[in-house]
Every structure is written in C-alpha cells, then in structure tokens.
Amino acid sequence: MKNQQPMMKIYLIISFFAVSALSVEAFLPAKNNGKSTTGANANASTRLQKAASNTIQESAELALQKRKLFELIGQLSVADSVLADPITKEPVEIVTQGVLLGDDGRRSRIQYKITSPSNTFEGSSDTYINLLEPVKDKKDDGDSNNSSQSPFAEIFRQALPYIPAPLRAPLASLTGGEEFIPMRDLFTSPAVSYAYERGWRQGFARAGFPGPDVEAEMAMDYFAPVVARTDSSVVVDMSCATGLFTRRFASADKYSRVLGCDYSDSMLTEARRRINAEPKLSSKALKKTTLDLVRLD
C-alpha cells in the first residue's frame, strides 16, 4: 500500500498537466500552417465572389427554365427587355399562348400578343412577331369599314409581293398605295426569297466572301469578348433575310437570345420554314438560346 500511494500521486500530476495543456490549447489562436491571415482573408473573399457569380448564373438559368416551363403549360407574360414599340419607343410586354407537343420539342402554333401603353401587335411561333403593323381595336373596325380605302386597295396591298417590281410603282400610284422603294421592296418578292439561298448568296464567293459558316464563326469570335463578361447576351441579326446567319448564331447555343429581324414578310416566312426544318433549332435541342423572328422597318 505504501508503494501504491506515490504511484497514484504521479498519475494525478500527469493528468493535471494534460488537462491544463488541453485547456490552454483551447484559448490559443488556430495554427495557420505557414499561411498568413491576409492570405486566408483573400481566399475567403475569392470564395465569396465565386459564390456570388454562381448565384447570378444560376438565377439566369432558372429564369430560362421558368420561361420554358411556362411555355409548356400554356401562357407566359413577360416584359421584353430588347424590343420596343417602333412608333412610340415605349417598352412592350409579350403574352404567349400555346402548348408544347411531341418528343422532338416542336410546338403547336403559339400566338403572340405584344402590347405597349399605346399600341398592340401580334405574331405567332410559325411566322414571326410583327412590329410593322399595329393591330386596330375592334371598336375602330366599324370606322375603318366606312373609310375611303377601297377593297381593291387592300387586295393590292396583300398581292403586292407577287407583282413584278417594274409594275409596282405605277400600280401603287393608281391605288393610293405605299411608295415603291426598289432596294427595299425587291426583297419582298417570294421569288427572291426562294432564290436567296439557292444560288443568290452563293454568288458572294466570287466577290471573295469565305462562305456563311466561316463568316458566322468570324462574327461569333468578334462577339466573344463581350459575351464573356455577361451571363445574358442577345444577338440581333438585322436584315436577316432567310435567316442564313440567324440559324448559325442560334444553333451555336452560346447566347441567351437570338433575334432575326427583317422588313420582308416573304424572307421571314422562308426563314421560319428553314428553322422548322432543322431539328437542332427545336426548343428541346436549344438548351440556352431562345430564337425569335421579328418583322420591322
């Protein structure tokens, strides 16, 4: 028993120092393994910036998925951040109605109603958004029926694209129609729209153009520095004709939105036909890009 008492004292002393050491360690600053506090703060700041950037990107992707979801179930109303009322320059809201059909991502005919505080425009998914001709209110229809415009003038307006260009100017003067502008109205002819990618555009090669594929890549390389600085990019193809480059910009799936804009109804009709013929431009195939055609002046 006498020998055990000194041993117990030794164990108690060792336990006391061990507990004391642990208690002191708890109040000491954490070891940084050779890294400075400034470096740790910088890393924390970088992580916060990266997290904020990821949050912004996720929000943009969520907004795109939300839009596609609403298109699936029927109606979507959004304030358009790019298009505007061409007459008053006021912002517009686009209301869509339609349902997605089929596994290939093709949609039924989706109707567009584009409204500003002053005017209303229309369009559809199998044609284009028409910002060239405001829709008249129904209450004004009765007044328009009593107007001085003859039924022949309306028939002429609809048939104008099919009339040979040399005859349009004298006929327009006789019917009180719009003035014929050769370099503009030439491309409203369905014959020209049909021939545009069936020989007309191929003739550009003789003038030294490298071809649509290379030209589209050159344009996208030019856009790249700006696109890299934003999570939401919009490409507007003005005077898009039959969508020769609109289709290439959209199929790249690099941009949030691609707009093909033209004055000619027949050019946009041909552009829509070609877009519908390409499976890679269906809403199912495009993961990031929304593609719209717009008629404007």
C-alpha atoms as a PDB file:
ATOM      1  CA  MET A   1       0.000   0.000   0.000  1.00  0.00           C
ATOM      2  CA  LYS A   2       2.834   2.361   0.772  1.00  0.00           C
ATOM      3  CA  ASN A   3       4.311   1.800  -2.688  1.00  0.00           C
ATOM      4  CA  GLN A   4       0.975   2.434  -4.432  1.00  0.00           C
ATOM      5  CA  GLN A   5       0.424   5.890  -2.928  1.00  0.00           C
ATOM      6  CA  PRO A   6       3.454   7.537  -4.682  1.00  0.00           C
ATOM      7  CA  MET A   7       2.318   5.960  -7.977  1.00  0.00           C
ATOM      8  CA  MET A   8      -1.189   7.424  -7.614  1.00  0.00           C
ATOM      9  CA  LYS A   9       0.341  10.844  -6.975  1.00  0.00           C
ATOM     10  CA  ILE A  10       2.391  10.571 -10.169  1.00  0.00           C
ATOM     11  CA  TYR A  11      -0.754   9.660 -12.209  1.00  0.00           C
ATOM     12  CA  LEU A  12      -2.639  12.601 -10.721  1.00  0.00           C
ATOM     13  CA  ILE A  13       0.180  15.029 -11.554  1.00  0.00           C
ATOM     14  CA  ILE A  14       0.378  13.753 -15.153  1.00  0.00           C
ATOM     15  CA  SER A  15      -3.420  14.029 -15.565  1.00  0.00           C
ATOM     16  CA  PHE A  16      -3.382  17.562 -14.193  1.00  0.00           C
ATOM     17  CA  PHE A  17      -0.756  18.741 -16.673  1.00  0.00           C
ATOM     18  CA  ALA A  18      -2.537  17.006 -19.577  1.00  0.00           C
ATOM     19  CA  VAL A  19      -5.841  18.676 -18.751  1.00  0.00           C
ATOM     20  CA  SER A  20      -4.103  22.028 -18.275  1.00  0.00           C
ATOM     21  CA  ALA A  21      -2.381  21.730 -21.623  1.00  0.00           C
ATOM     22  CA  LEU A  22      -5.680  20.981 -23.375  1.00  0.00           C
ATOM     23  CA  SER A  23      -7.370  23.905 -21.637  1.00  0.00           C
ATOM     24  CA  VAL A  24      -4.617  26.327 -22.669  1.00  0.00           C
ATOM     25  CA  GLU A  25      -4.662  24.999 -26.241  1.00  0.00           C
ATOM     26  CA  ALA A  26      -8.347  25.807 -26.466  1.00  0.00           C
ATOM     27  CA  PHE A  27      -7.625  29.506 -25.940  1.00  0.00           C
ATOM     28  CA  LEU A  28      -4.624  29.747 -28.307  1.00  0.00           C
ATOM     29  CA  PRO A  29      -5.113  31.131 -31.866  1.00  0.00           C
ATOM     30  CA  ALA A  30      -5.544  28.480 -34.545  1.00  0.00           C
ATOM     31  CA  LYS A  31      -2.432  27.383 -36.403  1.00  0.00           C
ATOM     32  CA  ASN A  32      -2.281  28.686 -39.990  1.00  0.00           C
ATOM     33  CA  ASN A  33       0.254  26.115 -41.238  1.00  0.00           C
ATOM     34  CA  GLY A  34       2.533  28.826 -42.581  1.00  0.00           C
ATOM     35  CA  LYS A  35      -0.258  30.779 -44.317  1.00  0.00           C
ATOM     36  CA  SER A  36      -0.724  34.428 -43.411  1.00  0.00           C
ATOM     37  CA  THR A  37      -4.016  35.826 -42.140  1.00  0.00           C
ATOM     38  CA  THR A  38      -4.095  38.166 -45.165  1.00  0.00           C
ATOM     39  CA  GLY A  39      -3.889  35.197 -47.497  1.00  0.00           C
ATOM     40  CA  ALA A  40      -6.739  33.458 -45.698  1.00  0.00           C
ATOM     41  CA  ASN A  41      -8.892  36.571 -45.972  1.00  0.00           C
ATOM     42  CA  ALA A  42      -8.105  36.843 -49.680  1.00  0.00           C
ATOM     43  CA  ASN A  43      -9.117  33.221 -50.205  1.00  0.00           C
ATOM     44  CA  ALA A  44     -12.345  33.811 -48.313  1.00  0.00           C
ATOM     45  CA  SER A  45     -13.069  36.882 -50.442  1.00  0.00           C
ATOM     46  CA  THR A  46     -12.418  34.906 -53.632  1.00  0.00           C
ATOM     47  CA  ARG A  47     -14.768  32.163 -52.471  1.00  0.00           C
ATOM     48  CA  LEU A  48     -17.488  34.743 -51.748  1.00  0.00           C
ATOM     49  CA  GLN A  49     -17.081  36.338 -55.191  1.00  0.00           C
ATOM     50  CA  LYS A  50     -17.219  32.925 -56.851  1.00  0.00           C
ATOM     51  CA  ALA A  51     -20.332  32.029 -54.878  1.00  0.00           C
ATOM     52  CA  ALA A  52     -21.982  35.331 -55.883  1.00  0.00           C
ATOM     53  CA  SER A  53     -21.107  34.740 -59.541  1.00  0.00           C
ATOM     54  CA  ASN A  54     -22.524  31.205 -59.377  1.00  0.00           C
ATOM     55  CA  THR A  55     -25.698  32.580 -57.798  1.00  0.00           C
ATOM     56  CA  ILE A  56     -26.158  35.090 -60.655  1.00  0.00           C
ATOM     57  CA  GLN A  57     -25.570  32.396 -63.260  1.00  0.00           C
ATOM     58  CA  GLU A  58     -27.977  30.019 -61.522  1.00  0.00           C
ATOM     59  CA  SER A  59     -30.599  32.790 -61.417  1.00  0.00           C
ATOM     60  CA  ALA A  60     -30.251  33.377 -65.173  1.00  0.00           C
ATOM     61  CA  GLU A  61     -30.528  29.638 -65.861  1.00  0.00           C
ATOM     62  CA  LEU A  62     -33.533  29.412 -63.537  1.00  0.00           C
ATOM     63  CA  ALA A  63     -35.259  32.278 -65.387  1.00  0.00           C
ATOM     64  CA  LEU A  64     -34.693  30.496 -68.725  1.00  0.00           C
ATOM     65  CA  GLN A  65     -36.031  27.198 -67.376  1.00  0.00           C
ATOM     66  CA  LYS A  66     -39.003  29.028 -65.885  1.00  0.00           C
ATOM     67  CA  ARG A  67     -39.822  30.569 -69.263  1.00  0.00           C
ATOM     68  CA  LYS A  68     -39.629  27.177 -70.974  1.00  0.00           C
ATOM     69  CA  LEU A  69     -41.825  25.657 -68.261  1.00  0.00           C
ATOM     70  CA  PHE A  70     -44.499  28.319 -68.742  1.00  0.00           C
ATOM     71  CA  GLU A  71     -44.360  27.704 -72.494  1.00  0.00           C
ATOM     72  CA  LEU A  72     -45.029  24.045 -71.815  1.00  0.00           C
ATOM     73  CA  ILE A  73     -48.113  24.638 -69.705  1.00  0.00           C
ATOM     74  CA  GLY A  74     -49.654  27.313 -71.900  1.00  0.00           C
ATOM     75  CA  GLN A  75     -49.420  31.040 -71.165  1.00  0.00           C
ATOM     76  CA  LEU A  76     -46.470  33.270 -70.406  1.00  0.00           C
ATOM     77  CA  SER A  77     -46.368  37.043 -69.995  1.00  0.00           C
ATOM     78  CA  VAL A  78     -43.002  38.801 -69.904  1.00  0.00           C
ATOM     79  CA  ALA A  79     -41.742  42.353 -70.233  1.00  0.00           C
ATOM     80  CA  ASP A  80     -39.399  42.295 -73.215  1.00  0.00           C
ATOM     81  CA  SER A  81     -36.000  43.816 -72.406  1.00  0.00           C
ATOM     82  CA  VAL A  82     -34.958  44.260 -76.056  1.00  0.00           C
ATOM     83  CA  LEU A  83     -37.980  45.002 -78.241  1.00  0.00           C
ATOM     84  CA  ALA A  84     -39.966  48.232 -78.072  1.00  0.00           C
ATOM     85  CA  ASP A  85     -42.958  49.872 -79.719  1.00  0.00           C
ATOM     86  CA  PRO A  86     -41.461  51.144 -83.020  1.00  0.00           C
ATOM     87  CA  ILE A  87     -43.900  54.057 -83.122  1.00  0.00           C
ATOM     88  CA  THR A  88     -43.688  55.425 -79.561  1.00  0.00           C
ATOM     89  CA  LYS A  89     -40.454  53.713 -78.387  1.00  0.00           C
ATOM     90  CA  GLU A  90     -42.320  52.517 -75.294  1.00  0.00           C
ATOM     91  CA  PRO A  91     -41.455  49.144 -73.699  1.00  0.00           C
ATOM     92  CA  VAL A  92     -43.588  46.161 -74.668  1.00  0.00           C
ATOM     93  CA  GLU A  93     -44.946  43.098 -72.937  1.00  0.00           C
ATOM     94  CA  ILE A  94     -45.269  39.809 -74.808  1.00  0.00           C
ATOM     95  CA  VAL A  95     -48.035  37.341 -73.941  1.00  0.00           C
ATOM     96  CA  THR A  96     -47.734  33.868 -75.454  1.00  0.00           C
ATOM     97  CA  GLN A  97     -50.361  31.158 -75.612  1.00  0.00           C
ATOM     98  CA  GLY A  98     -49.689  27.621 -76.772  1.00  0.00           C
ATOM     99  CA  VAL A  99     -48.679  24.107 -75.785  1.00  0.00           C
ATOM    100  CA  LEU A 100     -45.544  22.092 -76.495  1.00  0.00           C
ATOM    101  CA  LEU A 101     -46.285  18.952 -78.491  1.00  0.00           C
ATOM    102  CA  GLY A 102     -44.188  15.885 -79.312  1.00  0.00           C
ATOM    103  CA  ASP A 103     -40.866  14.479 -78.152  1.00  0.00           C
ATOM    104  CA  ASP A 104     -38.935  16.455 -80.759  1.00  0.00           C
ATOM    105  CA  GLY A 105     -39.701  19.736 -78.985  1.00  0.00           C
ATOM    106  CA  ARG A 106     -41.905  21.069 -81.754  1.00  0.00           C
ATOM    107  CA  ARG A 107     -44.694  23.333 -80.584  1.00  0.00           C
ATOM    108  CA  SER A 108     -48.197  23.899 -81.739  1.00  0.00           C
ATOM    109  CA  ARG A 109     -48.957  27.330 -83.140  1.00  0.00           C
ATOM    110  CA  ILE A 110     -48.198  29.765 -80.309  1.00  0.00           C
ATOM    111  CA  GLN A 111     -49.901  33.128 -80.556  1.00  0.00           C
ATOM    112  CA  TYR A 112     -48.049  36.293 -79.549  1.00  0.00           C
ATOM    113  CA  LYS A 113     -49.714  39.442 -78.331  1.00  0.00           C
ATOM    114  CA  ILE A 114     -47.271  42.327 -77.995  1.00  0.00           C
ATOM    115  CA  THR A 115     -48.577  45.349 -76.125  1.00  0.00           C
ATOM    116  CA  SER A 116     -47.238  48.769 -75.232  1.00  0.00           C
ATOM    117  CA  PRO A 117     -49.184  51.520 -73.444  1.00  0.00           C
ATOM    118  CA  SER A 118     -50.139  52.905 -76.889  1.00  0.00           C
ATOM    119  CA  ASN A 119     -50.302  50.019 -79.380  1.00  0.00           C
ATOM    120  CA  THR A 120     -50.881  46.302 -79.799  1.00  0.00           C
ATOM    121  CA  PHE A 121     -49.037  43.991 -82.205  1.00  0.00           C
ATOM    122  CA  GLU A 122     -49.395  40.303 -82.988  1.00  0.00           C
ATOM    123  CA  GLY A 123     -47.415  37.334 -84.189  1.00  0.00           C
ATOM    124  CA  SER A 124     -47.081  33.571 -83.923  1.00  0.00           C
ATOM    125  CA  SER A 125     -44.460  30.887 -83.494  1.00  0.00           C
ATOM    126  CA  ASP A 126     -44.869  29.602 -87.056  1.00  0.00           C
ATOM    127  CA  THR A 127     -44.390  33.066 -88.596  1.00  0.00           C
ATOM    128  CA  TYR A 128     -42.860  35.971 -86.674  1.00  0.00           C
ATOM    129  CA  ILE A 129     -43.510  38.841 -84.273  1.00  0.00           C
ATOM    130  CA  ASN A 130     -44.980  41.616 -86.430  1.00  0.00           C
ATOM    131  CA  LEU A 131     -43.918  45.060 -85.175  1.00  0.00           C
ATOM    132  CA  LEU A 132     -44.599  46.657 -88.545  1.00  0.00           C
ATOM    133  CA  GLU A 133     -48.393  46.734 -88.420  1.00  0.00           C
ATOM    134  CA  PRO A 134     -50.243  47.664 -85.204  1.00  0.00           C
ATOM    135  CA  VAL A 135     -53.492  45.821 -84.612  1.00  0.00           C
ATOM    136  CA  LYS A 136     -56.553  48.074 -84.715  1.00  0.00           C
ATOM    137  CA  ASP A 137     -59.042  47.971 -81.870  1.00  0.00           C
ATOM    138  CA  LYS A 138     -62.281  46.181 -82.645  1.00  0.00           C
ATOM    139  CA  LYS A 139     -64.200  49.348 -81.917  1.00  0.00           C
ATOM    140  CA  ASP A 140     -62.304  51.026 -84.752  1.00  0.00           C
ATOM    141  CA  ASP A 141     -63.160  48.289 -87.260  1.00  0.00           C
ATOM    142  CA  GLY A 142     -66.555  49.790 -87.975  1.00  0.00           C
ATOM    143  CA  ASP A 143     -64.974  53.145 -88.688  1.00  0.00           C
ATOM    144  CA  SER A 144     -62.405  51.560 -90.973  1.00  0.00           C
ATOM    145  CA  ASN A 145     -65.165  49.908 -92.983  1.00  0.00           C
ATOM    146  CA  ASN A 146     -66.570  53.348 -93.703  1.00  0.00           C
ATOM    147  CA  SER A 147     -63.216  54.827 -94.591  1.00  0.00           C
ATOM    148  CA  SER A 148     -62.229  55.978 -98.042  1.00  0.00           C
ATOM    149  CA  GLN A 149     -59.907  52.981 -98.520  1.00  0.00           C
ATOM    150  CA  SER A 150     -61.388  50.739-101.204  1.00  0.00           C
ATOM    151  CA  PRO A 151     -61.453  46.925-101.004  1.00  0.00           C
ATOM    152  CA  PHE A 152     -59.276  46.899-104.122  1.00  0.00           C
ATOM    153  CA  ALA A 153     -56.537  48.796-102.296  1.00  0.00           C
ATOM    154  CA  GLU A 154     -56.445  46.153 -99.547  1.00  0.00           C
ATOM    155  CA  ILE A 155     -56.318  43.356-102.127  1.00  0.00           C
ATOM    156  CA  PHE A 156     -53.494  45.163-103.906  1.00  0.00           C
ATOM    157  CA  ARG A 157     -51.566  45.526-100.636  1.00  0.00           C
ATOM    158  CA  GLN A 158     -51.748  41.797 -99.997  1.00  0.00           C
ATOM    159  CA  ALA A 159     -50.842  40.925-103.588  1.00  0.00           C
ATOM    160  CA  LEU A 160     -48.003  43.459-103.822  1.00  0.00           C
ATOM    161  CA  PRO A 161     -45.143  40.993-103.160  1.00  0.00           C
ATOM    162  CA  TYR A 162     -46.272  38.858-106.117  1.00  0.00           C
ATOM    163  CA  ILE A 163     -46.373  41.759-108.599  1.00  0.00           C
ATOM    164  CA  PRO A 164     -43.183  42.187-110.702  1.00  0.00           C
ATOM    165  CA  ALA A 165     -41.072  45.047-109.385  1.00  0.00           C
ATOM    166  CA  PRO A 166     -41.311  47.293-112.519  1.00  0.00           C
ATOM    167  CA  LEU A 167     -45.113  47.303-112.283  1.00  0.00           C
ATOM    168  CA  ARG A 168     -45.380  48.099-108.584  1.00  0.00           C
ATOM    169  CA  ALA A 169     -44.665  51.828-108.750  1.00  0.00           C
ATOM    170  CA  PRO A 170     -47.356  52.753-111.346  1.00  0.00           C
ATOM    171  CA  LEU A 171     -49.903  50.440-109.694  1.00  0.00           C
ATOM    172  CA  ALA A 172     -49.173  51.924-106.274  1.00  0.00           C
ATOM    173  CA  SER A 173     -49.787  55.444-107.612  1.00  0.00           C
ATOM    174  CA  LEU A 174     -53.104  54.360-109.123  1.00  0.00           C
ATOM    175  CA  THR A 175     -54.392  52.703-105.958  1.00  0.00           C
ATOM    176  CA  GLY A 176     -53.013  55.156-103.433  1.00  0.00           C
ATOM    177  CA  GLY A 177     -50.740  52.508-102.005  1.00  0.00           C
ATOM    178  CA  GLU A 178     -47.319  52.915-100.391  1.00  0.00           C
ATOM    179  CA  GLU A 179     -44.475  54.339-102.424  1.00  0.00           C
ATOM    180  CA  PHE A 180     -42.389  51.694-104.173  1.00  0.00           C
ATOM    181  CA  ILE A 181     -38.768  51.640-102.949  1.00  0.00           C
ATOM    182  CA  PRO A 182     -36.726  49.361-105.261  1.00  0.00           C
ATOM    183  CA  MET A 183     -33.880  48.299-102.922  1.00  0.00           C
ATOM    184  CA  ARG A 184     -36.348  47.573-100.146  1.00  0.00           C
ATOM    185  CA  ASP A 185     -39.304  46.110-101.995  1.00  0.00           C
ATOM    186  CA  LEU A 186     -37.222  43.894-104.296  1.00  0.00           C
ATOM    187  CA  PHE A 187     -36.631  41.575-101.341  1.00  0.00           C
ATOM    188  CA  THR A 188     -40.338  41.320-100.533  1.00  0.00           C
ATOM    189  CA  SER A 189     -40.808  39.145-103.602  1.00  0.00           C
ATOM    190  CA  PRO A 190     -41.327  35.443-102.767  1.00  0.00           C
ATOM    191  CA  ALA A 191     -39.279  34.587-105.881  1.00  0.00           C
ATOM    192  CA  VAL A 192     -36.256  36.456-104.499  1.00  0.00           C
ATOM    193  CA  SER A 193     -36.734  34.905-101.050  1.00  0.00           C
ATOM    194  CA  TYR A 194     -36.880  31.450-102.623  1.00  0.00           C
ATOM    195  CA  ALA A 195     -33.699  32.064-104.663  1.00  0.00           C
ATOM    196  CA  TYR A 196     -31.715  33.766-101.888  1.00  0.00           C
ATOM    197  CA  GLU A 197     -30.057  30.572-100.576  1.00  0.00           C
ATOM    198  CA  ARG A 198     -30.475  28.671-103.827  1.00  0.00           C
ATOM    199  CA  GLY A 199     -27.833  30.493-105.835  1.00  0.00           C
ATOM    200  CA  TRP A 200     -28.026  34.200-104.923  1.00  0.00           C
ATOM    201  CA  ARG A 201     -25.958  34.057-101.724  1.00  0.00           C
ATOM    202  CA  GLN A 202     -23.544  31.503-103.189  1.00  0.00           C
ATOM    203  CA  GLY A 203     -22.562  34.158-105.723  1.00  0.00           C
ATOM    204  CA  PHE A 204     -20.894  36.116-102.902  1.00  0.00           C
ATOM    205  CA  ALA A 205     -17.980  33.663-103.090  1.00  0.00           C
ATOM    206  CA  ARG A 206     -16.942  35.226-106.394  1.00  0.00           C
ATOM    207  CA  ALA A 207     -16.571  38.541-104.565  1.00  0.00           C
ATOM    208  CA  GLY A 208     -14.180  36.985-102.048  1.00  0.00           C
ATOM    209  CA  PHE A 209     -16.552  36.096 -99.208  1.00  0.00           C
ATOM    210  CA  PRO A 210     -15.334  32.940 -97.383  1.00  0.00           C
ATOM    211  CA  GLY A 211     -18.807  31.410 -97.041  1.00  0.00           C
ATOM    212  CA  PRO A 212     -21.603  31.518 -94.415  1.00  0.00           C
ATOM    213  CA  ASP A 213     -20.022  29.036 -91.976  1.00  0.00           C
ATOM    214  CA  VAL A 214     -16.701  30.878 -91.812  1.00  0.00           C
ATOM    215  CA  GLU A 215     -18.400  34.292 -91.771  1.00  0.00           C
ATOM    216  CA  ALA A 216     -20.632  33.222 -88.864  1.00  0.00           C
ATOM    217  CA  GLU A 217     -17.588  31.980 -86.911  1.00  0.00           C
ATOM    218  CA  MET A 218     -15.829  35.294 -87.561  1.00  0.00           C
ATOM    219  CA  ALA A 219     -18.850  37.190 -86.228  1.00  0.00           C
ATOM    220  CA  MET A 220     -19.096  34.986 -83.123  1.00  0.00           C
ATOM    221  CA  ASP A 221     -15.373  35.435 -82.441  1.00  0.00           C
ATOM    222  CA  TYR A 222     -15.950  39.181 -82.641  1.00  0.00           C
ATOM    223  CA  PHE A 223     -18.817  38.918 -80.123  1.00  0.00           C
ATOM    224  CA  ALA A 224     -16.886  36.632 -77.743  1.00  0.00           C
ATOM    225  CA  PRO A 225     -15.112  39.256 -75.526  1.00  0.00           C
ATOM    226  CA  VAL A 226     -18.413  40.985 -74.763  1.00  0.00           C
ATOM    227  CA  VAL A 227     -20.337  37.736 -74.267  1.00  0.00           C
ATOM    228  CA  ALA A 228     -17.698  36.538 -71.782  1.00  0.00           C
ATOM    229  CA  ARG A 229     -18.452  39.497 -69.494  1.00  0.00           C
ATOM    230  CA  THR A 230     -22.163  38.804 -69.101  1.00  0.00           C
ATOM    231  CA  ASP A 231     -24.474  35.926 -68.252  1.00  0.00           C
ATOM    232  CA  SER A 232     -27.251  37.238 -70.506  1.00  0.00           C
ATOM    233  CA  SER A 233     -26.331  38.013 -74.125  1.00  0.00           C
ATOM    234  CA  VAL A 234     -28.567  38.973 -77.036  1.00  0.00           C
ATOM    235  CA  VAL A 235     -27.583  38.813 -80.721  1.00  0.00           C
ATOM    236  CA  VAL A 236     -29.710  40.822 -83.171  1.00  0.00           C
ATOM    237  CA  ASP A 237     -29.333  39.827 -86.830  1.00  0.00           C
ATOM    238  CA  MET A 238     -30.647  42.881 -88.688  1.00  0.00           C
ATOM    239  CA  SER A 239     -31.819  42.349 -92.277  1.00  0.00           C
ATOM    240  CA  CYS A 240     -31.604  38.642 -91.572  1.00  0.00           C
ATOM    241  CA  ALA A 241     -33.287  37.708 -94.899  1.00  0.00           C
ATOM    242  CA  THR A 242     -33.878  33.936 -94.857  1.00  0.00           C
ATOM    243  CA  GLY A 243     -32.037  33.516 -91.549  1.00  0.00           C
ATOM    244  CA  LEU A 244     -28.769  32.340 -93.084  1.00  0.00           C
ATOM    245  CA  PHE A 245     -26.763  33.631 -90.100  1.00  0.00           C
ATOM    246  CA  THR A 246     -29.630  33.711 -87.593  1.00  0.00           C
ATOM    247  CA  ARG A 247     -29.743  29.910 -87.737  1.00  0.00           C
ATOM    248  CA  ARG A 248     -25.996  29.613 -87.213  1.00  0.00           C
ATOM    249  CA  PHE A 249     -25.968  32.010 -84.257  1.00  0.00           C
ATOM    250  CA  ALA A 250     -28.870  30.161 -82.621  1.00  0.00           C
ATOM    251  CA  SER A 251     -27.533  26.638 -83.242  1.00  0.00           C
ATOM    252  CA  ALA A 252     -24.265  27.597 -81.506  1.00  0.00           C
ATOM    253  CA  ASP A 253     -26.405  27.821 -78.316  1.00  0.00           C
ATOM    254  CA  LYS A 254     -23.984  30.401 -76.858  1.00  0.00           C
ATOM    255  CA  TYR A 255     -26.408  33.278 -76.393  1.00  0.00           C
ATOM    256  CA  SER A 256     -29.468  33.854 -74.232  1.00  0.00           C
ATOM    257  CA  ARG A 257     -31.460  35.115 -77.193  1.00  0.00           C
ATOM    258  CA  VAL A 258     -31.098  35.456 -80.968  1.00  0.00           C
ATOM    259  CA  LEU A 259     -33.383  37.819 -82.898  1.00  0.00           C
ATOM    260  CA  GLY A 260     -33.672  37.627 -86.680  1.00  0.00           C
ATOM    261  CA  CYS A 261     -35.168  40.906 -87.942  1.00  0.00           C
ATOM    262  CA  ASP A 262     -36.276  41.874 -91.448  1.00  0.00           C
ATOM    263  CA  TYR A 263     -38.807  44.039 -93.298  1.00  0.00           C
ATOM    264  CA  SER A 264     -39.820  41.361 -95.795  1.00  0.00           C
ATOM    265  CA  ASP A 265     -42.696  39.054 -94.969  1.00  0.00           C
ATOM    266  CA  SER A 266     -41.561  36.555 -97.605  1.00  0.00           C
ATOM    267  CA  MET A 267     -37.973  36.492 -96.292  1.00  0.00           C
ATOM    268  CA  LEU A 268     -39.157  35.834 -92.734  1.00  0.00           C
ATOM    269  CA  THR A 269     -41.574  33.164 -93.958  1.00  0.00           C
ATOM    270  CA  GLU A 270     -38.701  31.378 -95.707  1.00  0.00           C
ATOM    271  CA  ALA A 271     -36.520  31.846 -92.604  1.00  0.00           C
ATOM    272  CA  ARG A 272     -39.186  30.226 -90.427  1.00  0.00           C
ATOM    273  CA  ARG A 273     -39.562  27.326 -92.865  1.00  0.00           C
ATOM    274  CA  ARG A 274     -35.823  26.679 -92.743  1.00  0.00           C
ATOM    275  CA  ILE A 275     -35.697  26.975 -88.941  1.00  0.00           C
ATOM    276  CA  ASN A 276     -38.514  24.453 -88.560  1.00  0.00           C
ATOM    277  CA  ALA A 277     -36.671  22.070 -90.894  1.00  0.00           C
ATOM    278  CA  GLU A 278     -33.596  21.918 -88.615  1.00  0.00           C
ATOM    279  CA  PRO A 279     -34.009  19.601 -85.576  1.00  0.00           C
ATOM    280  CA  LYS A 280     -31.075  21.264 -83.788  1.00  0.00           C
ATOM    281  CA  LEU A 281     -33.086  24.501 -83.666  1.00  0.00           C
ATOM    282  CA  SER A 282     -36.060  22.967 -81.859  1.00  0.00           C
ATOM    283  CA  SER A 283     -36.847  24.203 -78.341  1.00  0.00           C
ATOM    284  CA  LYS A 284     -35.764  20.819 -76.995  1.00  0.00           C
ATOM    285  CA  ALA A 285     -32.367  20.951 -78.708  1.00  0.00           C
ATOM    286  CA  LEU A 286     -31.584  24.537 -77.682  1.00  0.00           C
ATOM    287  CA  LYS A 287     -30.599  24.446 -74.005  1.00  0.00           C
ATOM    288  CA  LYS A 288     -29.685  28.104 -73.589  1.00  0.00           C
ATOM    289  CA  THR A 289     -30.855  30.119 -76.601  1.00  0.00           C
ATOM    290  CA  THR A 290     -34.323  31.485 -77.361  1.00  0.00           C
ATOM    291  CA  LEU A 291     -34.841  32.187 -81.074  1.00  0.00           C
ATOM    292  CA  ASP A 292     -37.356  34.767 -82.364  1.00  0.00           C
ATOM    293  CA  LEU A 293     -38.094  36.291 -85.770  1.00  0.00           C
ATOM    294  CA  VAL A 294     -39.314  39.893 -85.889  1.00  0.00           C
ATOM    295  CA  ARG A 295     -40.759  41.934 -88.750  1.00  0.00           C
ATOM    296  CA  LEU A 296     -39.817  45.601 -88.510  1.00  0.00           C
ATOM    297  CA  ASP A 297     -38.649  48.507 -90.612  1.00  0.00           C
END
